[in-house]
Amino acid sequence: MTSTNEHLISLIKELKTKSLTEKVKLWKRLAEDLSRSTRSRRIVNLIKIVEYAKPGETVVVPGKVLGLGEVTQKVDVAAYQFSISAVEKIKLAGGNTLSLWELMEKNPKANKVRIIG
């Protein structure tokens, strides 16, 4: 890992720890994805999230969510970063935005969580 971003480094360590303590492979996968270079990190537009999200599940993006597209359903999205327009559109549709830290706290077993990107 070549990142100098202390917040990102501590997030990756916590994801790996959570993966071991909770025995959930999703946390390890997110840590691996976030360990990649910034150029390799995923960037996902809302249009793709709305297309693949199912009711009652949380969508996770190991990268950045951008605001291209309209949110036509309530959707909860967790990501490393969000654009301002993406946050506004998700909240306007009645959904929630979560940091990866918040997702780990609220759903340590990663029930009904889907990675998109």
C-alpha atoms as a PDB file:
ATOM      1  CA  MET A   1       0.000   0.000   0.000  1.00  0.00           C
ATOM      2  CA  THR A   2       1.519   3.287  -1.079  1.00  0.00           C
ATOM      3  CA  SER A   3      -1.133   5.676   0.200  1.00  0.00           C
ATOM      4  CA  THR A   4      -0.135   8.485   2.528  1.00  0.00           C
ATOM      5  CA  ASN A   5      -3.752   9.251   3.425  1.00  0.00           C
ATOM      6  CA  GLU A   6      -3.906   8.336   7.121  1.00  0.00           C
ATOM      7  CA  HIS A   7      -7.713   8.137   7.099  1.00  0.00           C
ATOM      8  CA  LEU A   8      -7.645   5.640   4.212  1.00  0.00           C
ATOM      9  CA  ILE A   9      -4.875   3.577   5.804  1.00  0.00           C
ATOM     10  CA  SER A  10      -6.779   3.272   9.087  1.00  0.00           C
ATOM     11  CA  LEU A  11      -9.998   2.406   7.197  1.00  0.00           C
ATOM     12  CA  ILE A  12      -8.238  -0.399   5.306  1.00  0.00           C
ATOM     13  CA  LYS A  13      -6.772  -1.784   8.551  1.00  0.00           C
ATOM     14  CA  GLU A  14     -10.186  -1.675  10.228  1.00  0.00           C
ATOM     15  CA  LEU A  15     -11.834  -3.418   7.269  1.00  0.00           C
ATOM     16  CA  LYS A  16      -9.264  -6.230   7.459  1.00  0.00           C
ATOM     17  CA  THR A  17      -9.740  -6.549  11.221  1.00  0.00           C
ATOM     18  CA  LYS A  18     -13.535  -6.585  10.867  1.00  0.00           C
ATOM     19  CA  SER A  19     -13.223  -9.272   8.202  1.00  0.00           C
ATOM     20  CA  LEU A  20     -11.348 -11.530  10.610  1.00  0.00           C
ATOM     21  CA  THR A  21     -13.432 -10.848  13.720  1.00  0.00           C
ATOM     22  CA  GLU A  22     -16.823 -11.104  12.004  1.00  0.00           C
ATOM     23  CA  LYS A  23     -15.724 -13.739   9.468  1.00  0.00           C
ATOM     24  CA  VAL A  24     -17.163 -11.676   6.602  1.00  0.00           C
ATOM     25  CA  LYS A  25     -15.325 -11.791   3.262  1.00  0.00           C
ATOM     26  CA  LEU A  26     -16.960  -8.572   2.039  1.00  0.00           C
ATOM     27  CA  TRP A  27     -14.865  -6.427   4.408  1.00  0.00           C
ATOM     28  CA  LYS A  28     -11.650  -8.030   3.121  1.00  0.00           C
ATOM     29  CA  ARG A  29     -12.744  -7.442  -0.472  1.00  0.00           C
ATOM     30  CA  LEU A  30     -13.409  -3.764   0.248  1.00  0.00           C
ATOM     31  CA  ALA A  31      -9.999  -3.422   1.907  1.00  0.00           C
ATOM     32  CA  GLU A  32      -8.313  -4.942  -1.144  1.00  0.00           C
ATOM     33  CA  ASP A  33     -10.213  -2.656  -3.521  1.00  0.00           C
ATOM     34  CA  LEU A  34      -9.353   0.451  -1.487  1.00  0.00           C
ATOM     35  CA  SER A  35      -5.678  -0.589  -1.346  1.00  0.00           C
ATOM     36  CA  ARG A  36      -5.385  -0.078  -5.094  1.00  0.00           C
ATOM     37  CA  SER A  37      -4.082   3.130  -6.579  1.00  0.00           C
ATOM     38  CA  THR A  38      -6.420   6.094  -6.830  1.00  0.00           C
ATOM     39  CA  ARG A  39      -6.597   5.658 -10.599  1.00  0.00           C
ATOM     40  CA  SER A  40      -7.748   2.051 -10.200  1.00  0.00           C
ATOM     41  CA  ARG A  41     -10.434   2.850  -7.648  1.00  0.00           C
ATOM     42  CA  ARG A  42     -14.016   2.526  -8.779  1.00  0.00           C
ATOM     43  CA  ILE A  43     -16.134   5.465  -9.860  1.00  0.00           C
ATOM     44  CA  VAL A  44     -19.849   4.706 -10.127  1.00  0.00           C
ATOM     45  CA  ASN A  45     -22.683   6.921 -11.326  1.00  0.00           C
ATOM     46  CA  LEU A  46     -26.121   6.855  -9.718  1.00  0.00           C
ATOM     47  CA  ILE A  47     -27.640   5.467 -12.897  1.00  0.00           C
ATOM     48  CA  LYS A  48     -25.727   2.203 -12.377  1.00  0.00           C
ATOM     49  CA  ILE A  49     -26.630   2.031  -8.679  1.00  0.00           C
ATOM     50  CA  VAL A  50     -30.341   2.429  -9.418  1.00  0.00           C
ATOM     51  CA  GLU A  51     -30.122  -0.212 -12.142  1.00  0.00           C
ATOM     52  CA  TYR A  52     -28.650  -2.911  -9.874  1.00  0.00           C
ATOM     53  CA  ALA A  53     -29.926  -2.042  -6.380  1.00  0.00           C
ATOM     54  CA  LYS A  54     -32.639  -4.248  -4.923  1.00  0.00           C
ATOM     55  CA  PRO A  55     -35.168  -3.090  -2.327  1.00  0.00           C
ATOM     56  CA  GLY A  56     -33.975  -3.467   1.257  1.00  0.00           C
ATOM     57  CA  GLU A  57     -30.294  -3.848   0.506  1.00  0.00           C
ATOM     58  CA  THR A  58     -27.368  -1.497   0.899  1.00  0.00           C
ATOM     59  CA  VAL A  59     -25.146  -0.787  -2.085  1.00  0.00           C
ATOM     60  CA  VAL A  60     -21.413  -0.389  -1.421  1.00  0.00           C
ATOM     61  CA  VAL A  61     -18.986   1.389  -3.730  1.00  0.00           C
ATOM     62  CA  PRO A  62     -15.281   0.963  -2.889  1.00  0.00           C
ATOM     63  CA  GLY A  63     -14.516   4.301  -4.476  1.00  0.00           C
ATOM     64  CA  LYS A  64     -16.528   7.370  -5.408  1.00  0.00           C
ATOM     65  CA  VAL A  65     -20.219   7.820  -6.226  1.00  0.00           C
ATOM     66  CA  LEU A  66     -21.016  10.494  -8.824  1.00  0.00           C
ATOM     67  CA  GLY A  67     -24.373  12.150  -9.445  1.00  0.00           C
ATOM     68  CA  LEU A  68     -25.045  11.244 -13.093  1.00  0.00           C
ATOM     69  CA  GLY A  69     -28.576   9.890 -13.369  1.00  0.00           C
ATOM     70  CA  GLU A  70     -31.769  10.171 -11.377  1.00  0.00           C
ATOM     71  CA  VAL A  71     -32.598   8.170  -8.261  1.00  0.00           C
ATOM     72  CA  THR A  72     -36.100   6.791  -8.748  1.00  0.00           C
ATOM     73  CA  GLN A  73     -36.246   4.576  -5.663  1.00  0.00           C
ATOM     74  CA  LYS A  74     -35.163   4.695  -2.047  1.00  0.00           C
ATOM     75  CA  VAL A  75     -31.639   3.316  -1.901  1.00  0.00           C
ATOM     76  CA  ASP A  76     -28.999   3.225   0.837  1.00  0.00           C
ATOM     77  CA  VAL A  77     -25.464   3.723  -0.448  1.00  0.00           C
ATOM     78  CA  ALA A  78     -22.162   3.344   1.377  1.00  0.00           C
ATOM     79  CA  ALA A  79     -18.971   4.549  -0.289  1.00  0.00           C
ATOM     80  CA  TYR A  80     -15.506   5.892   0.358  1.00  0.00           C
ATOM     81  CA  GLN A  81     -16.433   9.207  -1.301  1.00  0.00           C
ATOM     82  CA  PHE A  82     -19.537  10.924  -2.704  1.00  0.00           C
ATOM     83  CA  SER A  83     -20.006  13.915  -4.966  1.00  0.00           C
ATOM     84  CA  ILE A  84     -22.295  16.595  -3.536  1.00  0.00           C
ATOM     85  CA  SER A  85     -24.886  16.036  -6.263  1.00  0.00           C
ATOM     86  CA  ALA A  86     -24.969  12.280  -5.574  1.00  0.00           C
ATOM     87  CA  VAL A  87     -25.664  12.857  -1.878  1.00  0.00           C
ATOM     88  CA  GLU A  88     -28.431  15.350  -2.689  1.00  0.00           C
ATOM     89  CA  LYS A  89     -30.145  13.021  -5.172  1.00  0.00           C
ATOM     90  CA  ILE A  90     -29.981   9.972  -2.878  1.00  0.00           C
ATOM     91  CA  LYS A  91     -31.413  11.912   0.054  1.00  0.00           C
ATOM     92  CA  LEU A  92     -34.089  13.544  -2.115  1.00  0.00           C
ATOM     93  CA  ALA A  93     -35.333  10.055  -3.053  1.00  0.00           C
ATOM     94  CA  GLY A  94     -35.511   9.085   0.648  1.00  0.00           C
ATOM     95  CA  GLY A  95     -32.306   7.055   0.768  1.00  0.00           C
ATOM     96  CA  ASN A  96     -29.287   7.291   3.037  1.00  0.00           C
ATOM     97  CA  THR A  97     -25.599   7.810   2.407  1.00  0.00           C
ATOM     98  CA  LEU A  98     -23.124   6.095   4.709  1.00  0.00           C
ATOM     99  CA  SER A  99     -19.385   6.119   5.079  1.00  0.00           C
ATOM    100  CA  LEU A 100     -17.721   2.715   5.136  1.00  0.00           C
ATOM    101  CA  TRP A 101     -17.026   3.289   8.847  1.00  0.00           C
ATOM    102  CA  GLU A 102     -20.751   3.797   9.497  1.00  0.00           C
ATOM    103  CA  LEU A 103     -21.649   0.698   7.499  1.00  0.00           C
ATOM    104  CA  MET A 104     -19.220  -1.445   9.522  1.00  0.00           C
ATOM    105  CA  GLU A 105     -20.741  -0.133  12.760  1.00  0.00           C
ATOM    106  CA  LYS A 106     -24.380  -0.509  11.748  1.00  0.00           C
ATOM    107  CA  ASN A 107     -24.075  -3.805   9.870  1.00  0.00           C
ATOM    108  CA  PRO A 108     -20.976  -5.741  11.036  1.00  0.00           C
ATOM    109  CA  LYS A 109     -22.183  -8.994   9.435  1.00  0.00           C
ATOM    110  CA  ALA A 110     -22.799  -7.185   6.110  1.00  0.00           C
ATOM    111  CA  ASN A 111     -26.339  -8.531   5.746  1.00  0.00           C
ATOM    112  CA  LYS A 112     -28.041  -7.503   2.494  1.00  0.00           C
ATOM    113  CA  VAL A 113     -25.007  -5.617   1.192  1.00  0.00           C
ATOM    114  CA  ARG A 114     -24.022  -5.591  -2.487  1.00  0.00           C
ATOM    115  CA  ILE A 115     -20.783  -4.261  -4.002  1.00  0.00           C
ATOM    116  CA  ILE A 116     -21.284  -2.295  -7.196  1.00  0.00           C
ATOM    117  CA  GLY A 117     -18.614  -0.933  -9.443  1.00  0.00           C
END
